[in-house]
């Protein structure tokens, strides 16, 4: 199985946290050969109180253990997501910018 990091804007907004969790749930059902994780949903309850630079370090550590990254939401407007993208590029990770790009490479359930 491949481990895919989901980059989604967070900015301390609980609605963004919920949206990211919904994306992960949806993707997990559709792609049985992949495992999806995201920093904001994996790090725990203290993430909200964590200074942004520390939270980003946690996220990048998690991302460093993944096989690829899926960019979701308005990630282009998020400093954290842009940092995650740059880190993924630097590490040579596979970058998926859409559901379609995942479907091209992995078995998919409708």
Protein backbone atom coordinates (compact mmCIF):
# COMPACT_ATOMS: atom_id res chain seq x y z
CA UNK A 1 0.00 0.00 0.00
CA UNK A 2 1.02 3.56 -0.63
CA UNK A 3 0.75 6.28 2.01
CA UNK A 4 -0.66 9.54 0.61
CA UNK A 5 -0.50 12.83 2.51
CA UNK A 6 -3.52 15.08 2.03
CA UNK A 7 -2.58 18.77 1.95
CA UNK A 8 -5.59 20.93 2.74
CA UNK A 9 -5.78 24.50 4.10
CA UNK A 10 -6.24 24.53 7.87
CA UNK A 11 -5.41 27.97 9.32
CA UNK A 12 -6.89 26.97 12.69
CA UNK A 13 -10.38 26.82 11.19
CA UNK A 14 -12.44 23.87 12.52
CA UNK A 15 -14.46 23.81 9.27
CA UNK A 16 -11.26 23.22 7.30
CA UNK A 17 -10.35 20.41 9.70
CA UNK A 18 -13.75 18.79 9.09
CA UNK A 19 -13.46 19.24 5.32
CA UNK A 20 -10.07 17.53 5.32
CA UNK A 21 -11.44 14.63 7.37
CA UNK A 22 -14.33 14.24 4.89
CA UNK A 23 -11.88 14.20 1.98
CA UNK A 24 -9.81 11.51 3.66
CA UNK A 25 -12.90 9.41 4.41
CA UNK A 26 -14.08 9.71 0.81
CA UNK A 27 -10.68 8.91 -0.68
CA UNK A 28 -10.15 5.94 1.63
CA UNK A 29 -13.40 4.36 0.44
CA UNK A 30 -12.57 4.94 -3.22
CA UNK A 31 -8.92 3.87 -3.20
CA UNK A 32 -8.57 0.61 -1.25
CA UNK A 33 -4.86 0.26 -2.07
CA UNK A 34 -3.95 3.65 -0.56
CA UNK A 35 -3.81 5.00 2.98
CA UNK A 36 -4.54 8.72 3.40
CA UNK A 37 -3.23 10.93 6.22
CA UNK A 38 -3.11 14.65 6.92
CA UNK A 39 -1.19 16.64 9.49
CA UNK A 40 -4.12 18.55 10.92
CA UNK A 41 -6.20 15.39 11.40
CA UNK A 42 -3.36 13.09 12.51
CA UNK A 43 -1.42 15.15 15.04
CA UNK A 44 -4.15 15.39 17.64
CA UNK A 45 -6.14 17.88 19.66
CA UNK A 46 -3.14 19.96 20.67
CA UNK A 47 -2.49 20.88 17.02
CA UNK A 48 -4.87 23.84 17.29
CA UNK A 49 -2.85 25.38 20.14
CA UNK A 50 0.50 24.61 18.51
CA UNK A 51 2.42 27.57 17.04
CA UNK A 52 2.20 27.44 13.24
CA UNK A 53 5.93 26.85 12.69
CA UNK A 54 5.89 23.89 15.09
CA UNK A 55 2.71 22.51 13.53
CA UNK A 56 4.29 22.76 10.09
CA UNK A 57 7.36 20.88 11.34
CA UNK A 58 5.06 18.10 12.58
CA UNK A 59 3.29 18.02 9.22
CA UNK A 60 6.54 17.87 7.27
CA UNK A 61 7.77 15.01 9.44
CA UNK A 62 4.60 13.08 8.65
CA UNK A 63 4.89 14.00 4.96
CA UNK A 64 8.50 12.75 4.90
CA UNK A 65 7.19 9.24 5.60
CA UNK A 66 4.65 9.31 2.75
CA UNK A 67 4.88 8.11 -0.85
CA UNK A 68 3.00 11.06 -2.32
CA UNK A 69 0.92 14.15 -1.63
CA UNK A 70 -2.62 15.05 -2.74
CA UNK A 71 -3.27 18.79 -2.97
CA UNK A 72 -6.87 19.68 -2.06
CA UNK A 73 -9.08 22.70 -1.45
CA UNK A 74 -7.69 26.15 -2.11
CA UNK A 75 -4.18 24.98 -1.27
CA UNK A 76 -2.62 27.73 -3.42
CA UNK A 77 -3.87 30.28 -0.87
CA UNK A 78 -2.34 28.45 2.10
CA UNK A 79 1.21 29.13 3.26
CA UNK A 80 1.32 25.72 4.95
CA UNK A 81 0.11 23.85 1.86
CA UNK A 82 2.61 25.68 -0.34
CA UNK A 83 5.38 24.70 2.09
CA UNK A 84 4.17 21.08 2.00
CA UNK A 85 4.17 21.16 -1.82
CA UNK A 86 7.72 22.57 -1.91
CA UNK A 87 8.87 19.94 0.58
CA UNK A 88 7.28 17.16 -1.48
CA UNK A 89 9.00 18.46 -4.61
CA UNK A 90 12.33 18.64 -2.79
CA UNK A 91 11.90 15.06 -1.53
CA UNK A 92 10.90 13.83 -4.99
CA UNK A 93 7.49 12.63 -3.84
CA UNK A 94 4.71 11.98 -6.31
CA UNK A 95 2.35 14.97 -6.43
CA UNK A 96 -1.35 14.53 -7.19
CA UNK A 97 -3.28 17.70 -7.89
CA UNK A 98 -6.69 16.13 -8.39
CA UNK A 99 -8.86 13.07 -8.00
CA UNK A 100 -8.29 12.41 -11.70
CA UNK A 101 -4.53 12.22 -11.24
CA UNK A 102 -5.00 9.54 -8.56
CA UNK A 103 -7.46 7.61 -10.73
CA UNK A 104 -4.90 7.47 -13.53
CA UNK A 105 -2.48 5.55 -11.33
CA UNK A 106 -4.49 3.54 -8.79
CA UNK A 107 -7.56 1.24 -8.80
CA UNK A 108 -10.66 3.28 -8.02
CA UNK A 109 -14.14 2.40 -6.76
CA UNK A 110 -17.06 4.53 -7.99
